[in-house]
Amino acid sequence: ENELFCTGISGVFFGATNTLVGHPLDTVKTKITAQTEFTTSNSITSVIRNIYTTKGLVGFYPGWVPPFVGSLIFRSAQFASYEAAYTKWGENAVMKS
């Protein structure tokens, strides 16, 4: 029971980290592909510079709340269900062999 709680908490941290690190990359990718006014040249660094100079650090996180909450829920459920299945099947003689 304690392991299930710990893996759920680990999933929450993974989900938070996943969004906080990955969302800026998705924002840059979206700006490159869909919003050509952000690309002054064909380089990723120019897009990053343009986002940062126009909107600051916050400009890398538009619409971050829904993916953040979804990732928290999904990753914690994923980690907890894996731990529950691993514990249950780890005790099974057929699965051990």
PDB file of N, CA and C in Angstrom:
ATOM      1  N   GLU A   1       0.827  -1.195   0.000  1.00  0.00           N
ATOM      2  CA  GLU A   1       0.000   0.000   0.000  1.00  0.00           C
ATOM      3  C   GLU A   1       0.869   1.255   0.000  1.00  0.00           C
ATOM      4  N   ASN A   2       1.924   1.241   0.797  1.00  0.00           N
ATOM      5  CA  ASN A   2       2.828   2.381   0.859  1.00  0.00           C
ATOM      6  C   ASN A   2       3.573   2.545  -0.469  1.00  0.00           C
ATOM      7  N   GLU A   3       3.957   1.408  -1.087  1.00  0.00           N
ATOM      8  CA  GLU A   3       4.648   1.476  -2.378  1.00  0.00           C
ATOM      9  C   GLU A   3       3.746   2.075  -3.446  1.00  0.00           C
ATOM     10  N   LEU A   4       2.469   1.722  -3.407  1.00  0.00           N
ATOM     11  CA  LEU A   4       1.514   2.260  -4.369  1.00  0.00           C
ATOM     12  C   LEU A   4       1.412   3.781  -4.232  1.00  0.00           C
ATOM     13  N   PHE A   5       1.386   4.267  -3.014  1.00  0.00           N
ATOM     14  CA  PHE A   5       1.345   5.715  -2.768  1.00  0.00           C
ATOM     15  C   PHE A   5       2.615   6.386  -3.277  1.00  0.00           C
ATOM     16  N   CYS A   6       3.757   5.794  -2.976  1.00  0.00           N
ATOM     17  CA  CYS A   6       5.040   6.371  -3.405  1.00  0.00           C
ATOM     18  C   CYS A   6       5.165   6.402  -4.921  1.00  0.00           C
ATOM     19  N   THR A   7       4.717   5.347  -5.585  1.00  0.00           N
ATOM     20  CA  THR A   7       4.790   5.360  -7.051  1.00  0.00           C
ATOM     21  C   THR A   7       3.798   6.356  -7.638  1.00  0.00           C
ATOM     22  N   GLY A   8       2.668   6.541  -6.982  1.00  0.00           N
ATOM     23  CA  GLY A   8       1.723   7.568  -7.434  1.00  0.00           C
ATOM     24  C   GLY A   8       2.318   8.964  -7.326  1.00  0.00           C
ATOM     25  N   ILE A   9       2.994   9.225  -6.231  1.00  0.00           N
ATOM     26  CA  ILE A   9       3.659  10.521  -6.040  1.00  0.00           C
ATOM     27  C   ILE A   9       4.787  10.681  -7.057  1.00  0.00           C
ATOM     28  N   SER A  10       5.532   9.618  -7.314  1.00  0.00           N
ATOM     29  CA  SER A  10       6.586   9.672  -8.334  1.00  0.00           C
ATOM     30  C   SER A  10       6.002  10.003  -9.701  1.00  0.00           C
ATOM     31  N   GLY A  11       4.845   9.434  -9.994  1.00  0.00           N
ATOM     32  CA  GLY A  11       4.166   9.732 -11.255  1.00  0.00           C
ATOM     33  C   GLY A  11       3.742  11.185 -11.355  1.00  0.00           C
ATOM     34  N   VAL A  12       3.320  11.756 -10.229  1.00  0.00           N
ATOM     35  CA  VAL A  12       2.940  13.172 -10.210  1.00  0.00           C
ATOM     36  C   VAL A  12       4.155  14.048 -10.530  1.00  0.00           C
ATOM     37  N   PHE A  13       5.277  13.731  -9.901  1.00  0.00           N
ATOM     38  CA  PHE A  13       6.495  14.506 -10.172  1.00  0.00           C
ATOM     39  C   PHE A  13       6.955  14.342 -11.618  1.00  0.00           C
ATOM     40  N   PHE A  14       6.854  13.126 -12.130  1.00  0.00           N
ATOM     41  CA  PHE A  14       7.222  12.899 -13.526  1.00  0.00           C
ATOM     42  C   PHE A  14       6.294  13.666 -14.462  1.00  0.00           C
ATOM     43  N   GLY A  15       4.999  13.647 -14.194  1.00  0.00           N
ATOM     44  CA  GLY A  15       4.048  14.382 -15.024  1.00  0.00           C
ATOM     45  C   GLY A  15       4.300  15.876 -15.003  1.00  0.00           C
ATOM     46  N   ALA A  16       4.626  16.406 -13.828  1.00  0.00           N
ATOM     47  CA  ALA A  16       4.918  17.841 -13.718  1.00  0.00           C
ATOM     48  C   ALA A  16       6.180  18.187 -14.483  1.00  0.00           C
ATOM     49  N   THR A  17       7.215  17.397 -14.304  1.00  0.00           N
ATOM     50  CA  THR A  17       8.478  17.641 -14.999  1.00  0.00           C
ATOM     51  C   THR A  17       8.308  17.507 -16.497  1.00  0.00           C
ATOM     52  N   ASN A  18       7.543  16.508 -16.906  1.00  0.00           N
ATOM     53  CA  ASN A  18       7.289  16.269 -18.323  1.00  0.00           C
ATOM     54  C   ASN A  18       6.687  17.502 -18.995  1.00  0.00           C
ATOM     55  N   THR A  19       5.729  18.118 -18.355  1.00  0.00           N
ATOM     56  CA  THR A  19       5.084  19.300 -18.930  1.00  0.00           C
ATOM     57  C   THR A  19       5.965  20.538 -18.830  1.00  0.00           C
ATOM     58  N   LEU A  20       6.590  20.739 -17.693  1.00  0.00           N
ATOM     59  CA  LEU A  20       7.404  21.941 -17.505  1.00  0.00           C
ATOM     60  C   LEU A  20       8.610  21.978 -18.445  1.00  0.00           C
ATOM     61  N   VAL A  21       9.150  20.823 -18.781  1.00  0.00           N
ATOM     62  CA  VAL A  21      10.287  20.763 -19.694  1.00  0.00           C
ATOM     63  C   VAL A  21       9.826  20.671 -21.149  1.00  0.00           C
ATOM     64  N   GLY A  22       8.810  19.877 -21.392  1.00  0.00           N
ATOM     65  CA  GLY A  22       8.389  19.616 -22.768  1.00  0.00           C
ATOM     66  C   GLY A  22       7.535  20.687 -23.409  1.00  0.00           C
ATOM     67  N   HIS A  23       6.762  21.420 -22.619  1.00  0.00           N
ATOM     68  CA  HIS A  23       5.845  22.404 -23.192  1.00  0.00           C
ATOM     69  C   HIS A  23       6.557  23.534 -23.945  1.00  0.00           C
ATOM     70  N   PRO A  24       7.661  24.062 -23.431  1.00  0.00           N
ATOM     71  CA  PRO A  24       8.367  25.085 -24.216  1.00  0.00           C
ATOM     72  C   PRO A  24       8.847  24.562 -25.569  1.00  0.00           C
ATOM     73  N   LEU A  25       9.265  23.314 -25.605  1.00  0.00           N
ATOM     74  CA  LEU A  25       9.696  22.724 -26.875  1.00  0.00           C
ATOM     75  C   LEU A  25       8.524  22.606 -27.851  1.00  0.00           C
ATOM     76  N   ASP A  26       7.368  22.213 -27.342  1.00  0.00           N
ATOM     77  CA  ASP A  26       6.172  22.158 -28.186  1.00  0.00           C
ATOM     78  C   ASP A  26       5.769  23.544 -28.673  1.00  0.00           C
ATOM     79  N   THR A  27       5.921  24.551 -27.813  1.00  0.00           N
ATOM     80  CA  THR A  27       5.595  25.923 -28.206  1.00  0.00           C
ATOM     81  C   THR A  27       6.490  26.382 -29.344  1.00  0.00           C
ATOM     82  N   VAL A  28       7.782  26.124 -29.237  1.00  0.00           N
ATOM     83  CA  VAL A  28       8.719  26.504 -30.298  1.00  0.00           C
ATOM     84  C   VAL A  28       8.378  25.759 -31.589  1.00  0.00           C
ATOM     85  N   LYS A  29       8.087  24.468 -31.490  1.00  0.00           N
ATOM     86  CA  LYS A  29       7.728  23.676 -32.670  1.00  0.00           C
ATOM     87  C   LYS A  29       6.473  24.232 -33.337  1.00  0.00           C
ATOM     88  N   THR A  30       5.484  24.585 -32.539  1.00  0.00           N
ATOM     89  CA  THR A  30       4.242  25.129 -33.088  1.00  0.00           C
ATOM     90  C   THR A  30       4.480  26.472 -33.767  1.00  0.00           C
ATOM     91  N   LYS A  31       5.284  27.310 -33.143  1.00  0.00           N
ATOM     92  CA  LYS A  31       5.583  28.618 -33.749  1.00  0.00           C
ATOM     93  C   LYS A  31       6.298  28.439 -35.091  1.00  0.00           C
ATOM     94  N   ILE A  32       7.197  27.486 -35.173  1.00  0.00           N
ATOM     95  CA  ILE A  32       7.931  27.252 -36.420  1.00  0.00           C
ATOM     96  C   ILE A  32       7.006  26.761 -37.520  1.00  0.00           C
ATOM     97  N   THR A  33       6.124  25.832 -37.187  1.00  0.00           N
ATOM     98  CA  THR A  33       5.288  25.215 -38.218  1.00  0.00           C
ATOM     99  C   THR A  33       4.034  26.003 -38.562  1.00  0.00           C
ATOM    100  N   ALA A  34       3.429  26.679 -37.580  1.00  0.00           N
ATOM    101  CA  ALA A  34       2.122  27.282 -37.826  1.00  0.00           C
ATOM    102  C   ALA A  34       2.103  28.800 -37.836  1.00  0.00           C
ATOM    103  N   GLN A  35       3.074  29.422 -37.214  1.00  0.00           N
ATOM    104  CA  GLN A  35       3.049  30.874 -37.097  1.00  0.00           C
ATOM    105  C   GLN A  35       4.333  31.450 -37.697  1.00  0.00           C
ATOM    106  N   THR A  36       4.291  31.659 -38.975  1.00  0.00           N
ATOM    107  CA  THR A  36       5.496  32.061 -39.695  1.00  0.00           C
ATOM    108  C   THR A  36       6.010  33.447 -39.323  1.00  0.00           C
ATOM    109  N   GLU A  37       5.193  34.253 -38.674  1.00  0.00           N
ATOM    110  CA  GLU A  37       5.677  35.581 -38.273  1.00  0.00           C
ATOM    111  C   GLU A  37       6.755  35.504 -37.186  1.00  0.00           C
ATOM    112  N   PHE A  38       6.869  34.356 -36.521  1.00  0.00           N
ATOM    113  CA  PHE A  38       7.893  34.181 -35.502  1.00  0.00           C
ATOM    114  C   PHE A  38       9.233  33.752 -36.082  1.00  0.00           C
ATOM    115  N   THR A  39       9.241  33.313 -37.322  1.00  0.00           N
ATOM    116  CA  THR A  39      10.492  32.843 -37.916  1.00  0.00           C
ATOM    117  C   THR A  39      11.091  33.949 -38.773  1.00  0.00           C
ATOM    118  N   THR A  40      12.055  34.657 -38.220  1.00  0.00           N
ATOM    119  CA  THR A  40      12.754  35.684 -39.000  1.00  0.00           C
ATOM    120  C   THR A  40      13.802  35.046 -39.896  1.00  0.00           C
ATOM    121  N   SER A  41      14.235  33.862 -39.534  1.00  0.00           N
ATOM    122  CA  SER A  41      15.120  33.056 -40.374  1.00  0.00           C
ATOM    123  C   SER A  41      14.727  31.599 -40.141  1.00  0.00           C
ATOM    124  N   ASN A  42      15.425  30.707 -40.766  1.00  0.00           N
ATOM    125  CA  ASN A  42      15.073  29.294 -40.613  1.00  0.00           C
ATOM    126  C   ASN A  42      15.825  28.631 -39.463  1.00  0.00           C
ATOM    127  N   SER A  43      16.009  29.342 -38.378  1.00  0.00           N
ATOM    128  CA  SER A  43      16.713  28.731 -37.256  1.00  0.00           C
ATOM    129  C   SER A  43      15.835  28.694 -36.013  1.00  0.00           C
ATOM    130  N   ILE A  44      16.040  27.661 -35.236  1.00  0.00           N
ATOM    131  CA  ILE A  44      15.296  27.503 -33.991  1.00  0.00           C
ATOM    132  C   ILE A  44      15.673  28.610 -33.004  1.00  0.00           C
ATOM    133  N   THR A  45      16.939  28.970 -33.005  1.00  0.00           N
ATOM    134  CA  THR A  45      17.381  30.008 -32.063  1.00  0.00           C
ATOM    135  C   THR A  45      16.703  31.345 -32.324  1.00  0.00           C
ATOM    136  N   SER A  46      16.417  31.667 -33.586  1.00  0.00           N
ATOM    137  CA  SER A  46      15.727  32.931 -33.860  1.00  0.00           C
ATOM    138  C   SER A  46      14.297  32.904 -33.338  1.00  0.00           C
ATOM    139  N   VAL A  47      13.648  31.743 -33.418  1.00  0.00           N
ATOM    140  CA  VAL A  47      12.287  31.613 -32.883  1.00  0.00           C
ATOM    141  C   VAL A  47      12.315  31.734 -31.355  1.00  0.00           C
ATOM    142  N   ILE A  48      13.257  31.056 -30.725  1.00  0.00           N
ATOM    143  CA  ILE A  48      13.376  31.132 -29.265  1.00  0.00           C
ATOM    144  C   ILE A  48      13.648  32.572 -28.833  1.00  0.00           C
ATOM    145  N   ARG A  49      14.552  33.235 -29.518  1.00  0.00           N
ATOM    146  CA  ARG A  49      14.885  34.629 -29.197  1.00  0.00           C
ATOM    147  C   ARG A  49      13.664  35.530 -29.382  1.00  0.00           C
ATOM    148  N   ASN A  50      12.924  35.315 -30.461  1.00  0.00           N
ATOM    149  CA  ASN A  50      11.739  36.133 -30.744  1.00  0.00           C
ATOM    150  C   ASN A  50      10.663  35.942 -29.669  1.00  0.00           C
ATOM    151  N   ILE A  51      10.422  34.703 -29.275  1.00  0.00           N
ATOM    152  CA  ILE A  51       9.439  34.444 -28.216  1.00  0.00           C
ATOM    153  C   ILE A  51       9.872  35.120 -26.922  1.00  0.00           C
ATOM    154  N   TYR A  52      11.137  34.965 -26.585  1.00  0.00           N
ATOM    155  CA  TYR A  52      11.635  35.520 -25.318  1.00  0.00           C
ATOM    156  C   TYR A  52      11.607  37.043 -25.316  1.00  0.00           C
ATOM    157  N   THR A  53      11.968  37.667 -26.437  1.00  0.00           N
ATOM    158  CA  THR A  53      11.985  39.138 -26.452  1.00  0.00           C
ATOM    159  C   THR A  53      10.581  39.727 -26.503  1.00  0.00           C
ATOM    160  N   THR A  54       9.622  39.037 -27.116  1.00  0.00           N
ATOM    161  CA  THR A  54       8.270  39.590 -27.192  1.00  0.00           C
ATOM    162  C   THR A  54       7.432  39.309 -25.949  1.00  0.00           C
ATOM    163  N   LYS A  55       7.570  38.116 -25.351  1.00  0.00           N
ATOM    164  CA  LYS A  55       6.695  37.759 -24.242  1.00  0.00           C
ATOM    165  C   LYS A  55       7.428  37.337 -22.976  1.00  0.00           C
ATOM    166  N   GLY A  56       8.730  37.207 -23.047  1.00  0.00           N
ATOM    167  CA  GLY A  56       9.478  36.766 -21.876  1.00  0.00           C
ATOM    168  C   GLY A  56       9.374  35.266 -21.682  1.00  0.00           C
ATOM    169  N   LEU A  57       9.746  34.813 -20.504  1.00  0.00           N
ATOM    170  CA  LEU A  57       9.730  33.390 -20.186  1.00  0.00           C
ATOM    171  C   LEU A  57       8.316  32.812 -20.230  1.00  0.00           C
ATOM    172  N   VAL A  58       7.337  33.629 -19.892  1.00  0.00           N
ATOM    173  CA  VAL A  58       5.937  33.195 -19.901  1.00  0.00           C
ATOM    174  C   VAL A  58       5.479  32.838 -21.322  1.00  0.00           C
ATOM    175  N   GLY A  59       6.118  33.410 -22.321  1.00  0.00           N
ATOM    176  CA  GLY A  59       5.754  33.144 -23.707  1.00  0.00           C
ATOM    177  C   GLY A  59       5.965  31.712 -24.146  1.00  0.00           C
ATOM    178  N   PHE A  60       6.736  30.948 -23.389  1.00  0.00           N
ATOM    179  CA  PHE A  60       6.963  29.545 -23.719  1.00  0.00           C
ATOM    180  C   PHE A  60       5.893  28.623 -23.137  1.00  0.00           C
ATOM    181  N   TYR A  61       4.988  29.175 -22.338  1.00  0.00           N
ATOM    182  CA  TYR A  61       3.991  28.358 -21.650  1.00  0.00           C
ATOM    183  C   TYR A  61       2.544  28.762 -21.934  1.00  0.00           C
ATOM    184  N   PRO A  62       2.178  29.048 -23.181  1.00  0.00           N
ATOM    185  CA  PRO A  62       0.760  29.353 -23.406  1.00  0.00           C
ATOM    186  C   PRO A  62      -0.066  28.062 -23.339  1.00  0.00           C
ATOM    187  N   GLY A  63      -1.152  28.114 -22.620  1.00  0.00           N
ATOM    188  CA  GLY A  63      -2.041  26.952 -22.541  1.00  0.00           C
ATOM    189  C   GLY A  63      -1.432  25.761 -21.836  1.00  0.00           C
ATOM    190  N   TRP A  64      -0.604  25.978 -20.848  1.00  0.00           N
ATOM    191  CA  TRP A  64       0.103  24.881 -20.195  1.00  0.00           C
ATOM    192  C   TRP A  64      -0.730  24.157 -19.138  1.00  0.00           C
ATOM    193  N   VAL A  65      -1.783  24.767 -18.643  1.00  0.00           N
ATOM    194  CA  VAL A  65      -2.526  24.174 -17.529  1.00  0.00           C
ATOM    195  C   VAL A  65      -3.209  22.849 -17.898  1.00  0.00           C
ATOM    196  N   PRO A  66      -3.974  22.753 -18.990  1.00  0.00           N
ATOM    197  CA  PRO A  66      -4.598  21.457 -19.297  1.00  0.00           C
ATOM    198  C   PRO A  66      -3.595  20.313 -19.500  1.00  0.00           C
ATOM    199  N   PRO A  67      -2.507  20.508 -20.262  1.00  0.00           N
ATOM    200  CA  PRO A  67      -1.552  19.399 -20.361  1.00  0.00           C
ATOM    201  C   PRO A  67      -0.876  19.078 -19.026  1.00  0.00           C
ATOM    202  N   PHE A  68      -0.677  20.101 -18.198  1.00  0.00           N
ATOM    203  CA  PHE A  68      -0.046  19.892 -16.890  1.00  0.00           C
ATOM    204  C   PHE A  68      -0.930  19.012 -16.009  1.00  0.00           C
ATOM    205  N   VAL A  69      -2.195  19.370 -15.889  1.00  0.00           N
ATOM    206  CA  VAL A  69      -3.123  18.603 -15.049  1.00  0.00           C
ATOM    207  C   VAL A  69      -3.318  17.200 -15.626  1.00  0.00           C
ATOM    208  N   GLY A  70      -3.487  17.114 -16.932  1.00  0.00           N
ATOM    209  CA  GLY A  70      -3.658  15.807 -17.567  1.00  0.00           C
ATOM    210  C   GLY A  70      -2.456  14.908 -17.375  1.00  0.00           C
ATOM    211  N   SER A  71      -1.273  15.485 -17.473  1.00  0.00           N
ATOM    212  CA  SER A  71      -0.059  14.705 -17.293  1.00  0.00           C
ATOM    213  C   SER A  71       0.099  14.253 -15.841  1.00  0.00           C
ATOM    214  N   LEU A  72      -0.265  15.101 -14.892  1.00  0.00           N
ATOM    215  CA  LEU A  72      -0.225  14.692 -13.487  1.00  0.00           C
ATOM    216  C   LEU A  72      -1.106  13.476 -13.247  1.00  0.00           C
ATOM    217  N   ILE A  73      -2.326  13.539 -13.763  1.00  0.00           N
ATOM    218  CA  ILE A  73      -3.276  12.442 -13.551  1.00  0.00           C
ATOM    219  C   ILE A  73      -2.829  11.190 -14.293  1.00  0.00           C
ATOM    220  N   PHE A  74      -2.483  11.343 -15.559  1.00  0.00           N
ATOM    221  CA  PHE A  74      -2.128  10.183 -16.372  1.00  0.00           C
ATOM    222  C   PHE A  74      -0.870   9.494 -15.865  1.00  0.00           C
ATOM    223  N   ARG A  75       0.183  10.256 -15.586  1.00  0.00           N
ATOM    224  CA  ARG A  75       1.442   9.640 -15.154  1.00  0.00           C
ATOM    225  C   ARG A  75       1.319   9.004 -13.782  1.00  0.00           C
ATOM    226  N   SER A  76       0.593   9.618 -12.859  1.00  0.00           N
ATOM    227  CA  SER A  76       0.436   9.003 -11.544  1.00  0.00           C
ATOM    228  C   SER A  76      -0.369   7.716 -11.647  1.00  0.00           C
ATOM    229  N   ALA A  77      -1.410   7.706 -12.472  1.00  0.00           N
ATOM    230  CA  ALA A  77      -2.186   6.477 -12.681  1.00  0.00           C
ATOM    231  C   ALA A  77      -1.343   5.412 -13.370  1.00  0.00           C
ATOM    232  N   GLN A  78      -0.531   5.831 -14.317  1.00  0.00           N
ATOM    233  CA  GLN A  78       0.332   4.895 -15.034  1.00  0.00           C
ATOM    234  C   GLN A  78       1.341   4.250 -14.082  1.00  0.00           C
ATOM    235  N   PHE A  79       2.020   5.039 -13.277  1.00  0.00           N
ATOM    236  CA  PHE A  79       3.014   4.503 -12.348  1.00  0.00           C
ATOM    237  C   PHE A  79       2.355   3.614 -11.298  1.00  0.00           C
ATOM    238  N   ALA A  80       1.232   4.067 -10.749  1.00  0.00           N
ATOM    239  CA  ALA A  80       0.554   3.298  -9.697  1.00  0.00           C
ATOM    240  C   ALA A  80       0.002   1.978 -10.223  1.00  0.00           C
ATOM    241  N   SER A  81      -0.575   1.983 -11.411  1.00  0.00           N
ATOM    242  CA  SER A  81      -1.111   0.728 -11.960  1.00  0.00           C
ATOM    243  C   SER A  81       0.009  -0.241 -12.311  1.00  0.00           C
ATOM    244  N   TYR A  82       1.147   0.288 -12.790  1.00  0.00           N
ATOM    245  CA  TYR A  82       2.289  -0.586 -13.056  1.00  0.00           C
ATOM    246  C   TYR A  82       2.773  -1.234 -11.765  1.00  0.00           C
ATOM    247  N   GLU A  83       2.885  -0.456 -10.706  1.00  0.00           N
ATOM    248  CA  GLU A  83       3.344  -0.995  -9.424  1.00  0.00           C
ATOM    249  C   GLU A  83       2.366  -2.036  -8.885  1.00  0.00           C
ATOM    250  N   ALA A  84       1.076  -1.762  -9.005  1.00  0.00           N
ATOM    251  CA  ALA A  84       0.075  -2.720  -8.528  1.00  0.00           C
ATOM    252  C   ALA A  84       0.155  -4.026  -9.308  1.00  0.00           C
ATOM    253  N   ALA A  85       0.275  -3.942 -10.617  1.00  0.00           N
ATOM    254  CA  ALA A  85       0.377  -5.156 -11.441  1.00  0.00           C
ATOM    255  C   ALA A  85       1.684  -5.893 -11.166  1.00  0.00           C
ATOM    256  N   TYR A  86       2.770  -5.157 -11.023  1.00  0.00           N
ATOM    257  CA  TYR A  86       4.077  -5.779 -10.763  1.00  0.00           C
ATOM    258  C   TYR A  86       4.068  -6.517  -9.424  1.00  0.00           C
ATOM    259  N   THR A  87       3.462  -5.905  -8.412  1.00  0.00           N
ATOM    260  CA  THR A  87       3.383  -6.531  -7.095  1.00  0.00           C
ATOM    261  C   THR A  87       2.496  -7.767  -7.135  1.00  0.00           C
ATOM    262  N   LYS A  88       1.346  -7.661  -7.783  1.00  0.00           N
ATOM    263  CA  LYS A  88       0.419  -8.786  -7.850  1.00  0.00           C
ATOM    264  C   LYS A  88       1.017  -9.946  -8.642  1.00  0.00           C
ATOM    265  N   TRP A  89       1.571  -9.650  -9.790  1.00  0.00           N
ATOM    266  CA  TRP A  89       2.120 -10.707 -10.638  1.00  0.00           C
ATOM    267  C   TRP A  89       3.462 -11.213 -10.127  1.00  0.00           C
ATOM    268  N   GLY A  90       4.144 -10.406  -9.335  1.00  0.00           N
ATOM    269  CA  GLY A  90       5.416 -10.845  -8.764  1.00  0.00           C
ATOM    270  C   GLY A  90       5.241 -11.953  -7.760  1.00  0.00           C
ATOM    271  N   GLU A  91       4.050 -12.032  -7.168  1.00  0.00           N
ATOM    272  CA  GLU A  91       3.748 -13.076  -6.186  1.00  0.00           C
ATOM    273  C   GLU A  91       3.237 -14.344  -6.845  1.00  0.00           C
ATOM    274  N   ASN A  92       2.932 -14.294  -8.127  1.00  0.00           N
ATOM    275  CA  ASN A  92       2.383 -15.436  -8.853  1.00  0.00           C
ATOM    276  C   ASN A  92       3.509 -16.377  -9.271  1.00  0.00           C
ATOM    277  N   ALA A  93       3.374 -17.678  -8.983  1.00  0.00           N
ATOM    278  CA  ALA A  93       4.424 -18.659  -9.293  1.00  0.00           C
ATOM    279  C   ALA A  93       4.638 -18.789 -10.804  1.00  0.00           C
ATOM    280  N   VAL A  94       3.571 -18.693 -11.585  1.00  0.00           N
ATOM    281  CA  VAL A  94       3.693 -18.836 -13.030  1.00  0.00           C
ATOM    282  C   VAL A  94       4.465 -17.652 -13.627  1.00  0.00           C
ATOM    283  N   MET A  95       4.244 -16.460 -13.110  1.00  0.00           N
ATOM    284  CA  MET A  95       4.901 -15.258 -13.635  1.00  0.00           C
ATOM    285  C   MET A  95       6.367 -15.184 -13.213  1.00  0.00           C
ATOM    286  N   LYS A  96       6.730 -15.840 -12.117  1.00  0.00           N
ATOM    287  CA  LYS A  96       8.110 -15.800 -11.650  1.00  0.00           C
ATOM    288  C   LYS A  96       9.042 -16.600 -12.551  1.00  0.00           C
ATOM    289  N   SER A  97       8.522 -17.635 -13.159  1.00  0.00           N
ATOM    290  CA  SER A  97       9.399 -18.504 -13.967  1.00  0.00           C
ATOM    291  C   SER A  97       9.651 -17.980 -15.345  1.00  0.00           C
TER     292      SER A  97
END
